């Protein structure tokens, strides 16, 4: 290992996620955690909204001063407001199958688990799930499956995507399907791109190779390098929106934070575009899985610092928190960086449609935030956030470097705010409870007049009226 050098432009995982560089970074951070001059320089750089390096971020995760921590939160809040405004994008996971041949010790889908019912949805069952999701108001899904060459081949995933896009129920339609499946080949990523997926999502779980190999003793996922290089193959296959993440609590969170940022820097260096999203899940209870077996659990306070530092380091990247987190912890991180939330989620195969047996027993993990989508939309509105069901960038070709270019120049908001308003208006007309509809109408009345462009504002006002009159799917 000693002859391996750190190279963010390399295609080899061991060179762009370089263990020696990460450990040197962590030592550097410990040595400088009380260096007020250095920390002030890092925070001034962060406040410019152009990002900070993995080594600078590591220093911020180590600082001990509460005053500096508040500065970190303040700058994170400013950056998020500048780029994303008060918009929060809504989505839901859709579990297709929990058949899996891997041995991941933190996941109940692992091959040796004999207590969890194994299920795979038929296309008709998928149709029922999608209609149930449409009846909630969802427009954006994240597909989830275990890894199994016989039960969950790429052909099954592609057929399922086609089924999902084909379903139009009342005013419902799924307009963006993101896909979270196991690492695969360039050819298969090209097939996913051709199927019209939005973002390809794959979590590293932990970037610490030694810990990774202990946690993944058997199955294809045990190949650390193949898994870690998956985003490169996805990019080579034409998917320019990719989502990365780590499962915090599996290993040292400082190591994984640095690993995430080195992965982002690698994608930027090699392909000219960083990750479209970063997810920050934490280990949760599940069938035959006890978080107490993982001693590196992350507290709410540390979790909030992680999110804020990520926002400073990668200002233009969407940050996702799921219903793994409680209402309280989600509220803490919404304020300092999170821009996407799941709502009304089920982590079980067949969990959305009525009358499907054993749905809850097939869950991947326990949900902490069990509120309905309508409850969450109302909660966000009460907090001053604008729930958005927008999928316009993907459908208008604003992906990859085209999206990042607009975001970095501060121009993405010219279309994001109007699109968020119009998709919120659709939700209010078609799905909202009376209380939430009143809250949402108030938000729209407050936000529409402050759209900067007079032309865009006039078109938005006209489209909002057309939505009330029954028309749907306007976008900039």
Protein backbone atom coordinates (compact mmCIF):
# COMPACT_ATOMS: atom_id res chain seq x y z
CA UNK A 1 0.00 0.00 0.00
CA UNK A 2 2.92 2.36 0.68
CA UNK A 3 3.65 2.86 -3.04
CA UNK A 4 0.09 4.02 -3.74
CA UNK A 5 -0.18 7.79 -4.05
CA UNK A 6 -3.16 10.06 -3.64
CA UNK A 7 -4.53 11.17 -7.01
CA UNK A 8 -8.05 12.65 -7.24
CA UNK A 9 -7.98 12.32 -11.04
CA UNK A 10 -7.21 8.61 -10.95
CA UNK A 11 -9.77 6.00 -12.01
CA UNK A 12 -8.50 3.65 -9.26
CA UNK A 13 -10.44 3.73 -5.99
CA UNK A 14 -7.39 3.21 -3.80
CA UNK A 15 -5.83 6.35 -5.30
CA UNK A 16 -8.79 8.75 -5.13
CA UNK A 17 -10.04 7.40 -1.77
CA UNK A 18 -6.54 7.23 -0.38
CA UNK A 19 -6.33 5.83 3.14
CA UNK A 20 -3.04 7.57 3.86
CA UNK A 21 -4.40 10.96 2.78
CA UNK A 22 -7.51 10.51 4.91
CA UNK A 23 -5.51 9.55 8.01
CA UNK A 24 -3.07 12.42 7.44
CA UNK A 25 -6.06 14.75 7.08
CA UNK A 26 -7.57 13.56 10.36
CA UNK A 27 -4.26 14.10 12.15
CA UNK A 28 -3.93 17.55 10.61
CA UNK A 29 -7.46 18.40 11.77
CA UNK A 30 -6.73 17.36 15.35
CA UNK A 31 -3.55 19.41 15.40
CA UNK A 32 -5.32 22.54 14.10
CA UNK A 33 -8.72 22.34 15.77
CA UNK A 34 -7.84 25.26 18.04
CA UNK A 35 -5.93 27.28 15.43
CA UNK A 36 -8.16 30.36 15.41
CA UNK A 37 -6.30 32.05 12.54
CA UNK A 38 -6.60 29.01 10.25
CA UNK A 39 -10.24 28.41 11.21
CA UNK A 40 -11.11 32.04 10.51
CA UNK A 41 -9.50 31.75 7.05
CA UNK A 42 -11.45 28.57 6.32
CA UNK A 43 -14.75 30.14 7.39
CA UNK A 44 -14.11 33.27 5.30
CA UNK A 45 -13.40 31.06 2.31
CA UNK A 46 -16.54 29.00 3.01
CA UNK A 47 -18.67 32.15 3.20
CA UNK A 48 -17.81 32.90 -0.44
CA UNK A 49 -19.94 29.88 -1.36
CA UNK A 50 -17.37 28.24 -3.61
CA UNK A 51 -16.62 25.28 -1.38
CA UNK A 52 -13.77 24.16 0.84
CA UNK A 53 -11.39 21.21 0.59
CA UNK A 54 -11.69 17.91 2.43
CA UNK A 55 -8.79 18.93 4.70
CA UNK A 56 -10.40 22.27 5.55
CA UNK A 57 -13.70 20.54 6.25
CA UNK A 58 -11.93 18.07 8.55
CA UNK A 59 -10.65 20.96 10.65
CA UNK A 60 -14.18 22.34 11.02
CA UNK A 61 -15.61 19.00 12.14
CA UNK A 62 -13.03 18.97 14.95
CA UNK A 63 -13.41 22.51 16.34
CA UNK A 64 -14.28 22.65 20.03
CA UNK A 65 -15.55 26.21 20.37
CA UNK A 66 -19.32 26.66 20.55
CA UNK A 67 -18.92 30.16 19.09
CA UNK A 68 -17.14 28.76 16.04
CA UNK A 69 -19.76 26.05 15.72
CA UNK A 70 -22.43 28.76 15.60
CA UNK A 71 -20.45 30.52 12.87
CA UNK A 72 -20.38 27.26 10.91
CA UNK A 73 -24.16 26.95 11.24
CA UNK A 74 -24.67 30.60 10.32
CA UNK A 75 -22.59 30.34 7.14
CA UNK A 76 -24.23 27.03 6.18
CA UNK A 77 -27.63 28.67 6.59
CA UNK A 78 -26.59 31.61 4.39
CA UNK A 79 -25.21 29.36 1.64
CA UNK A 80 -28.30 27.21 1.58
CA UNK A 81 -30.56 30.27 1.40
CA UNK A 82 -28.46 31.79 -1.39
CA UNK A 83 -28.57 28.69 -3.60
CA UNK A 84 -31.78 26.90 -2.66
CA UNK A 85 -33.87 29.62 -1.06
CA UNK A 86 -36.53 28.12 1.18
CA UNK A 87 -37.30 25.21 -1.18
CA UNK A 88 -37.32 21.59 0.04
CA UNK A 89 -37.69 18.90 -2.63
CA UNK A 90 -39.97 15.98 -1.71
CA UNK A 91 -39.57 12.33 -2.73
CA UNK A 92 -40.38 8.79 -1.62
CA UNK A 93 -38.49 5.47 -1.82
CA UNK A 94 -40.12 2.55 -3.62
CA UNK A 95 -38.83 -0.89 -2.64
CA UNK A 96 -39.20 -3.40 -5.47
CA UNK A 97 -37.51 -6.46 -3.96
CA UNK A 98 -35.58 -7.51 -0.88
CA UNK A 99 -33.93 -10.59 -2.37
CA UNK A 100 -30.19 -10.18 -1.87
CA UNK A 101 -27.06 -12.33 -2.09
CA UNK A 102 -24.78 -10.01 -0.11
CA UNK A 103 -23.72 -10.49 3.50
CA UNK A 104 -23.84 -6.89 4.73
CA UNK A 105 -23.96 -7.19 8.52
CA UNK A 106 -25.92 -3.93 9.09
CA UNK A 107 -28.77 -4.70 6.65
CA UNK A 108 -31.64 -7.16 7.28
CA UNK A 109 -31.67 -8.05 3.58
CA UNK A 110 -28.40 -9.97 4.06
CA UNK A 111 -28.45 -13.44 2.56
CA UNK A 112 -28.24 -15.34 5.86
CA UNK A 113 -31.30 -13.67 7.40
CA UNK A 114 -33.96 -16.37 7.56
CA UNK A 115 -36.55 -14.35 9.50
CA UNK A 116 -37.39 -11.62 6.99
CA UNK A 117 -40.04 -12.53 4.38
CA UNK A 118 -38.53 -12.31 0.90
CA UNK A 119 -40.67 -10.47 -1.63
CA UNK A 120 -40.45 -9.18 -5.18
CA UNK A 121 -43.15 -7.02 -6.67
CA UNK A 122 -44.82 -8.01 -9.93
CA UNK A 123 -45.46 -5.27 -12.46
CA UNK A 124 -49.10 -5.19 -11.38
CA UNK A 125 -48.06 -4.81 -7.74
CA UNK A 126 -45.71 -2.01 -8.79
CA UNK A 127 -48.66 -0.36 -10.49
CA UNK A 128 -50.62 -0.51 -7.23
CA UNK A 129 -47.71 0.94 -5.29
CA UNK A 130 -47.28 3.79 -7.76
CA UNK A 131 -50.97 4.66 -7.72
CA UNK A 132 -50.85 4.76 -3.93
CA UNK A 133 -47.85 7.10 -4.12
CA UNK A 134 -49.56 9.26 -6.74
CA UNK A 135 -52.62 9.49 -4.51
CA UNK A 136 -50.37 10.98 -1.81
CA UNK A 137 -49.07 13.57 -4.26
CA UNK A 138 -45.58 12.26 -4.99
CA UNK A 139 -43.91 13.05 -8.33
CA UNK A 140 -40.37 11.78 -7.61
CA UNK A 141 -39.37 8.25 -6.56
CA UNK A 142 -36.15 6.50 -5.59
CA UNK A 143 -36.20 2.82 -6.59
CA UNK A 144 -34.60 0.37 -4.17
CA UNK A 145 -33.75 -3.32 -4.57
CA UNK A 146 -31.47 -5.87 -3.02
CA UNK A 147 -28.71 -7.33 -5.19
CA UNK A 148 -29.70 -10.65 -6.72
CA UNK A 149 -28.85 -11.77 -10.28
CA UNK A 150 -31.90 -14.02 -10.62
CA UNK A 151 -34.62 -12.08 -8.78
CA UNK A 152 -33.45 -8.52 -9.50
CA UNK A 153 -31.60 -8.48 -12.84
CA UNK A 154 -31.19 -5.20 -14.70
CA UNK A 155 -34.03 -6.25 -17.03
CA UNK A 156 -36.43 -6.31 -14.08
CA UNK A 157 -35.34 -2.83 -13.00
CA UNK A 158 -35.72 -1.47 -16.55
CA UNK A 159 -39.18 -3.03 -16.94
CA UNK A 160 -40.20 -1.55 -13.60
CA UNK A 161 -39.04 1.93 -14.63
CA UNK A 162 -41.07 1.67 -17.81
CA UNK A 163 -44.11 0.59 -15.80
CA UNK A 164 -43.75 3.48 -13.37
CA UNK A 165 -43.48 6.13 -16.08
CA UNK A 166 -46.51 4.68 -17.89
CA UNK A 167 -48.95 5.11 -14.98
CA UNK A 168 -51.20 8.18 -14.96
CA UNK A 169 -53.90 8.06 -12.32
CA UNK A 170 -56.28 11.01 -11.99
CA UNK A 171 -53.87 13.98 -11.92
CA UNK A 172 -51.00 11.82 -10.70
CA UNK A 173 -47.79 11.06 -12.56
CA UNK A 174 -44.29 10.10 -11.51
CA UNK A 175 -42.08 12.53 -13.40
CA UNK A 176 -38.66 11.46 -12.14
CA UNK A 177 -37.40 8.01 -11.17
CA UNK A 178 -34.08 7.93 -9.34
CA UNK A 179 -32.44 4.53 -8.96
CA UNK A 180 -30.54 3.09 -6.00
CA UNK A 181 -29.31 -0.34 -7.07
CA UNK A 182 -26.06 -2.25 -6.69
CA UNK A 183 -22.89 -1.31 -8.55
CA UNK A 184 -23.03 -2.53 -12.12
CA UNK A 185 -21.36 -2.24 -15.53
CA UNK A 186 -20.96 0.71 -17.89
CA UNK A 187 -23.31 -1.05 -20.31
CA UNK A 188 -26.02 -1.36 -17.67
CA UNK A 189 -25.61 2.26 -16.63
CA UNK A 190 -26.14 3.24 -20.26
CA UNK A 191 -29.33 1.17 -20.28
CA UNK A 192 -30.53 2.97 -17.13
CA UNK A 193 -29.75 6.32 -18.74
CA UNK A 194 -31.70 5.32 -21.87
CA UNK A 195 -34.62 4.30 -19.63
CA UNK A 196 -34.89 7.92 -18.48
CA UNK A 197 -33.69 7.73 -14.90
CA UNK A 198 -32.95 10.91 -13.00
CA UNK A 199 -30.12 10.34 -10.51
CA UNK A 200 -28.18 7.13 -9.96
CA UNK A 201 -27.68 6.73 -6.21
CA UNK A 202 -25.24 4.43 -4.44
CA UNK A 203 -23.98 4.76 -0.88
CA UNK A 204 -20.42 3.81 -0.03
CA UNK A 205 -21.70 2.81 3.46
CA UNK A 206 -18.20 3.49 4.84
CA UNK A 207 -15.12 4.76 3.02
CA UNK A 208 -12.77 2.97 5.45
CA UNK A 209 -11.71 -0.02 3.37
CA UNK A 210 -10.78 -2.22 6.33
CA UNK A 211 -14.12 -1.50 8.02
CA UNK A 212 -15.94 -1.91 4.69
CA UNK A 213 -14.51 -5.38 4.14
CA UNK A 214 -15.44 -6.46 7.70
CA UNK A 215 -19.00 -5.21 7.18
CA UNK A 216 -19.33 -6.86 3.75
CA UNK A 217 -17.85 -10.34 4.24
CA UNK A 218 -19.61 -12.07 1.32
CA UNK A 219 -21.30 -11.35 -1.98
CA UNK A 220 -20.47 -9.04 -4.91
CA UNK A 221 -20.67 -5.97 -2.66
CA UNK A 222 -17.61 -7.21 -0.77
CA UNK A 223 -15.44 -5.94 -3.66
CA UNK A 224 -14.55 -2.50 -2.26
CA UNK A 225 -12.85 -1.19 -5.39
CA UNK A 226 -15.63 -2.25 -7.77
CA UNK A 227 -18.23 -0.67 -5.49
CA UNK A 228 -16.24 2.54 -4.97
CA UNK A 229 -15.59 2.99 -8.70
CA UNK A 230 -19.30 2.59 -9.56
CA UNK A 231 -19.90 6.33 -10.02
CA UNK A 232 -17.07 6.50 -12.55
CA UNK A 233 -18.72 3.74 -14.58
CA UNK A 234 -22.10 5.49 -14.25
CA UNK A 235 -20.56 8.70 -15.61
CA UNK A 236 -18.90 6.75 -18.42
CA UNK A 237 -22.31 5.22 -19.18
CA UNK A 238 -23.82 8.68 -19.66
CA UNK A 239 -25.44 9.25 -16.26
CA UNK A 240 -24.29 12.72 -15.28
CA UNK A 241 -26.42 13.06 -12.12
CA UNK A 242 -25.07 10.73 -9.43
CA UNK A 243 -25.76 10.62 -5.70
CA UNK A 244 -23.25 9.47 -3.09
CA UNK A 245 -23.41 9.00 0.68
CA UNK A 246 -22.24 7.12 3.74
CA UNK A 247 -24.20 5.28 6.42
CA UNK A 248 -23.01 7.17 9.47
CA UNK A 249 -22.50 4.99 12.52
CA UNK A 250 -20.87 2.08 10.71
CA UNK A 251 -17.39 3.49 11.21
CA UNK A 252 -15.56 6.64 12.30
CA UNK A 253 -17.74 9.53 11.12
CA UNK A 254 -14.72 11.80 10.62
CA UNK A 255 -13.17 9.29 8.24
CA UNK A 256 -16.42 8.96 6.30
CA UNK A 257 -16.96 12.72 6.09
CA UNK A 258 -13.51 13.13 4.55
CA UNK A 259 -14.17 10.14 2.28
CA UNK A 260 -17.40 11.66 0.95
CA UNK A 261 -15.62 14.92 0.15
CA UNK A 262 -12.68 13.17 -1.52
CA UNK A 263 -15.19 11.24 -3.63
CA UNK A 264 -16.87 14.51 -4.60
CA UNK A 265 -13.49 16.08 -5.41
CA UNK A 266 -12.59 13.05 -7.52
CA UNK A 267 -15.77 13.28 -9.61
CA UNK A 268 -15.16 16.99 -10.13
CA UNK A 269 -11.52 16.39 -11.08
CA UNK A 270 -12.16 13.50 -13.46
CA UNK A 271 -15.52 14.40 -14.99
CA UNK A 272 -15.90 18.12 -14.33
CA UNK A 273 -19.04 17.68 -12.23
CA UNK A 274 -19.47 16.67 -8.61
CA UNK A 275 -22.29 14.61 -7.11
CA UNK A 276 -25.83 15.84 -7.72
CA UNK A 277 -26.79 14.72 -4.22
CA UNK A 278 -25.18 13.58 -0.98
CA UNK A 279 -27.21 11.48 1.46
CA UNK A 280 -26.46 11.31 5.17
CA UNK A 281 -28.36 8.35 6.65
CA UNK A 282 -27.57 7.00 10.13
CA UNK A 283 -27.71 3.37 11.26
CA UNK A 284 -31.24 2.42 12.36
CA UNK A 285 -32.89 -0.61 14.03
CA UNK A 286 -34.26 -3.27 11.68
CA UNK A 287 -35.08 -6.97 11.57
CA UNK A 288 -32.15 -8.75 13.32
CA UNK A 289 -30.10 -5.50 13.33
CA UNK A 290 -29.38 -3.62 16.58
CA UNK A 291 -27.59 -0.24 16.32
CA UNK A 292 -26.02 -0.96 19.72
CA UNK A 293 -23.81 -3.44 17.89
CA UNK A 294 -22.21 -0.47 16.11
CA UNK A 295 -20.20 1.61 18.61
CA UNK A 296 -19.60 4.55 16.24
CA UNK A 297 -23.17 5.88 16.47
CA UNK A 298 -23.53 9.60 15.71
CA UNK A 299 -25.43 11.91 18.08
CA UNK A 300 -27.90 14.53 16.87
CA UNK A 301 -25.42 17.28 17.71
CA UNK A 302 -22.61 15.69 15.69
CA UNK A 303 -25.05 14.88 12.90
CA UNK A 304 -25.99 18.55 12.62
CA UNK A 305 -22.32 19.56 12.45
CA UNK A 306 -21.71 16.97 9.69
CA UNK A 307 -24.56 18.37 7.58
CA UNK A 308 -23.41 21.97 8.08
CA UNK A 309 -19.79 21.19 7.16
CA UNK A 310 -20.92 19.30 4.07
CA UNK A 311 -22.97 22.31 3.02
CA UNK A 312 -19.89 24.53 3.36
CA UNK A 313 -17.72 22.08 1.42
CA UNK A 314 -20.11 21.28 -1.45
CA UNK A 315 -22.49 24.26 -1.61
CA UNK A 316 -24.16 23.30 -4.92
CA UNK A 317 -24.96 19.69 -4.06
CA UNK A 318 -28.43 18.61 -2.94
CA UNK A 319 -28.41 17.07 0.53
CA UNK A 320 -30.88 14.34 1.46
CA UNK A 321 -32.26 13.20 4.81
CA UNK A 322 -34.80 10.39 4.92
CA UNK A 323 -37.49 9.26 7.36
CA UNK A 324 -34.76 7.31 9.17
CA UNK A 325 -34.50 10.57 11.13
CA UNK A 326 -37.04 11.83 13.64
CA UNK A 327 -38.99 15.05 13.19
CA UNK A 328 -36.69 16.76 15.69
CA UNK A 329 -33.43 15.71 14.04
CA UNK A 330 -34.76 16.55 10.58
CA UNK A 331 -35.70 20.01 11.79
CA UNK A 332 -32.17 20.52 13.13
CA UNK A 333 -30.51 19.73 9.81
CA UNK A 334 -33.05 21.44 7.54
CA UNK A 335 -31.80 24.70 8.97
CA UNK A 336 -28.14 24.13 8.08
CA UNK A 337 -28.03 22.38 4.74
CA UNK A 338 -30.61 19.72 3.86
CA UNK A 339 -32.51 20.42 0.64
CA UNK A 340 -34.39 17.15 0.01
CA UNK A 341 -36.69 15.11 2.27
CA UNK A 342 -38.64 11.91 1.93
CA UNK A 343 -42.19 11.93 3.21
CA UNK A 344 -44.88 9.34 3.94
CA UNK A 345 -42.23 6.69 3.29
CA UNK A 346 -42.42 2.93 3.56
CA UNK A 347 -39.20 0.92 3.61
CA UNK A 348 -40.96 -2.38 3.00
CA UNK A 349 -41.67 -4.20 -0.25
CA UNK A 350 -45.34 -3.51 -1.02
CA UNK A 351 -45.65 -1.07 1.86
CA UNK A 352 -47.76 1.61 0.15
CA UNK A 353 -50.66 -0.34 -1.34
CA UNK A 354 -53.43 -1.78 0.83
CA UNK A 355 -53.97 -5.49 1.25
CA UNK A 356 -50.41 -6.66 0.68
CA UNK A 357 -49.50 -9.16 3.36
CA UNK A 358 -46.36 -9.02 5.48
CA UNK A 359 -45.39 -5.61 4.13
CA UNK A 360 -43.97 -4.26 7.38
CA UNK A 361 -42.07 -7.46 8.10
CA UNK A 362 -40.10 -6.91 4.88
CA UNK A 363 -38.87 -3.42 5.88
CA UNK A 364 -35.21 -2.57 5.42
CA UNK A 365 -35.12 -0.36 8.52
CA UNK A 366 -37.43 1.23 11.08
CA UNK A 367 -38.85 4.65 10.25
CA UNK A 368 -38.49 7.43 12.83
CA UNK A 369 -40.72 9.99 11.10
CA UNK A 370 -44.03 8.22 10.52
CA UNK A 371 -46.06 11.27 9.54
CA UNK A 372 -48.05 11.37 6.31
CA UNK A 373 -46.82 13.38 3.35
CA UNK A 374 -49.58 15.92 4.02
CA UNK A 375 -48.44 16.26 7.63
CA UNK A 376 -44.85 16.86 6.49
CA UNK A 377 -45.90 19.38 3.83
CA UNK A 378 -47.88 21.28 6.47
CA UNK A 379 -44.98 21.12 8.93
CA UNK A 380 -42.56 22.51 6.34
CA UNK A 381 -44.94 25.34 5.48
CA UNK A 382 -45.31 26.22 9.15
CA UNK A 383 -41.51 26.38 9.44
CA UNK A 384 -41.34 28.75 6.47
CA UNK A 385 -40.09 26.24 3.90
CA UNK A 386 -41.61 25.73 0.47
CA UNK A 387 -42.23 22.03 -0.31
CA UNK A 388 -41.35 21.42 -3.95
CA UNK A 389 -42.39 18.54 -6.18
CA UNK A 390 -40.39 19.92 -9.08
CA UNK A 391 -38.70 17.62 -11.63
CA UNK A 392 -38.14 20.27 -14.29
CA UNK A 393 -34.33 20.31 -14.46
CA UNK A 394 -34.15 16.62 -15.31
CA UNK A 395 -36.92 16.92 -17.89
CA UNK A 396 -35.46 20.08 -19.44
CA UNK A 397 -31.97 18.61 -19.71
CA UNK A 398 -30.48 20.70 -16.92
CA UNK A 399 -28.38 17.85 -15.52
CA UNK A 400 -24.72 17.23 -14.79
CA UNK A 401 -22.40 20.11 -15.69
CA UNK A 402 -25.31 22.12 -17.12
CA UNK A 403 -27.05 22.12 -13.74
CA UNK A 404 -23.85 22.77 -11.81
CA UNK A 405 -22.90 25.67 -14.08
CA UNK A 406 -26.23 27.38 -13.42
CA UNK A 407 -26.07 26.64 -9.69
CA UNK A 408 -22.53 27.94 -9.32
CA UNK A 409 -23.48 31.18 -11.06
CA UNK A 410 -26.53 31.59 -8.86
CA UNK A 411 -28.91 31.29 -11.82
CA UNK A 412 -30.77 28.07 -11.00
CA UNK A 413 -33.15 29.94 -8.70
CA UNK A 414 -34.61 31.81 -11.67
CA UNK A 415 -36.47 28.65 -12.62
CA UNK A 416 -36.46 26.71 -9.33
CA UNK A 417 -38.63 29.10 -7.33
CA UNK A 418 -41.40 29.38 -9.96
CA UNK A 419 -41.31 25.61 -10.57
CA UNK A 420 -41.56 24.95 -6.83
CA UNK A 421 -44.54 27.32 -6.56
CA UNK A 422 -46.35 25.67 -9.46
CA UNK A 423 -45.78 22.10 -8.23
CA UNK A 424 -46.84 23.13 -4.73
CA UNK A 425 -50.01 24.60 -6.24
CA UNK A 426 -50.71 21.27 -7.96
CA UNK A 427 -50.30 19.46 -4.66
CA UNK A 428 -52.63 21.88 -2.89
CA UNK A 429 -55.35 21.51 -5.51
CA UNK A 430 -55.18 17.73 -5.82
CA UNK A 431 -54.07 16.26 -2.50
CA UNK A 432 -53.79 18.68 0.41
CA UNK A 433 -55.98 18.72 3.50
CA UNK A 434 -57.90 21.96 4.08
CA UNK A 435 -55.43 23.14 6.72
CA UNK A 436 -52.41 22.49 4.52
CA UNK A 437 -54.14 24.08 1.54
CA UNK A 438 -54.59 27.31 3.50
CA UNK A 439 -50.95 27.29 4.59
CA UNK A 440 -49.79 26.61 1.05
CA UNK A 441 -51.93 29.32 -0.50
CA UNK A 442 -50.44 31.78 1.98
CA UNK A 443 -46.91 30.68 0.99
CA UNK A 444 -47.69 31.10 -2.72
CA UNK A 445 -49.21 34.54 -2.13
CA UNK A 446 -46.05 35.61 -0.26
CA UNK A 447 -43.49 34.11 -2.63
CA UNK A 448 -44.92 34.84 -6.08
CA UNK A 449 -44.54 38.66 -5.90
CA UNK A 450 -40.83 38.38 -5.06
CA UNK A 451 -39.86 36.40 -8.18
CA UNK A 452 -37.08 38.69 -9.52
CA UNK A 453 -37.90 38.55 -13.24
CA UNK A 454 -41.05 40.47 -14.16
CA UNK A 455 -41.57 38.24 -17.21
CA UNK A 456 -41.14 35.01 -15.25
CA UNK A 457 -43.38 36.34 -12.49
CA UNK A 458 -46.16 37.15 -14.99
CA UNK A 459 -45.96 33.68 -16.57
CA UNK A 460 -45.96 32.06 -13.13
CA UNK A 461 -49.05 34.02 -12.06
CA UNK A 462 -50.85 32.97 -15.23
CA UNK A 463 -49.85 29.31 -14.78
CA UNK A 464 -50.94 29.32 -11.14
CA UNK A 465 -54.39 30.41 -12.25
CA UNK A 466 -54.42 27.72 -14.93
CA UNK A 467 -53.60 25.13 -12.25
CA UNK A 468 -56.63 26.26 -10.26
CA UNK A 469 -58.62 25.86 -13.49
CA UNK A 470 -57.48 22.23 -13.83
CA UNK A 471 -54.39 22.34 -16.03
CA UNK A 472 -51.17 20.63 -14.89
CA UNK A 473 -47.45 20.23 -15.50
CA UNK A 474 -46.15 23.71 -16.20
CA UNK A 475 -42.41 24.23 -15.93
CA UNK A 476 -39.58 26.56 -16.75
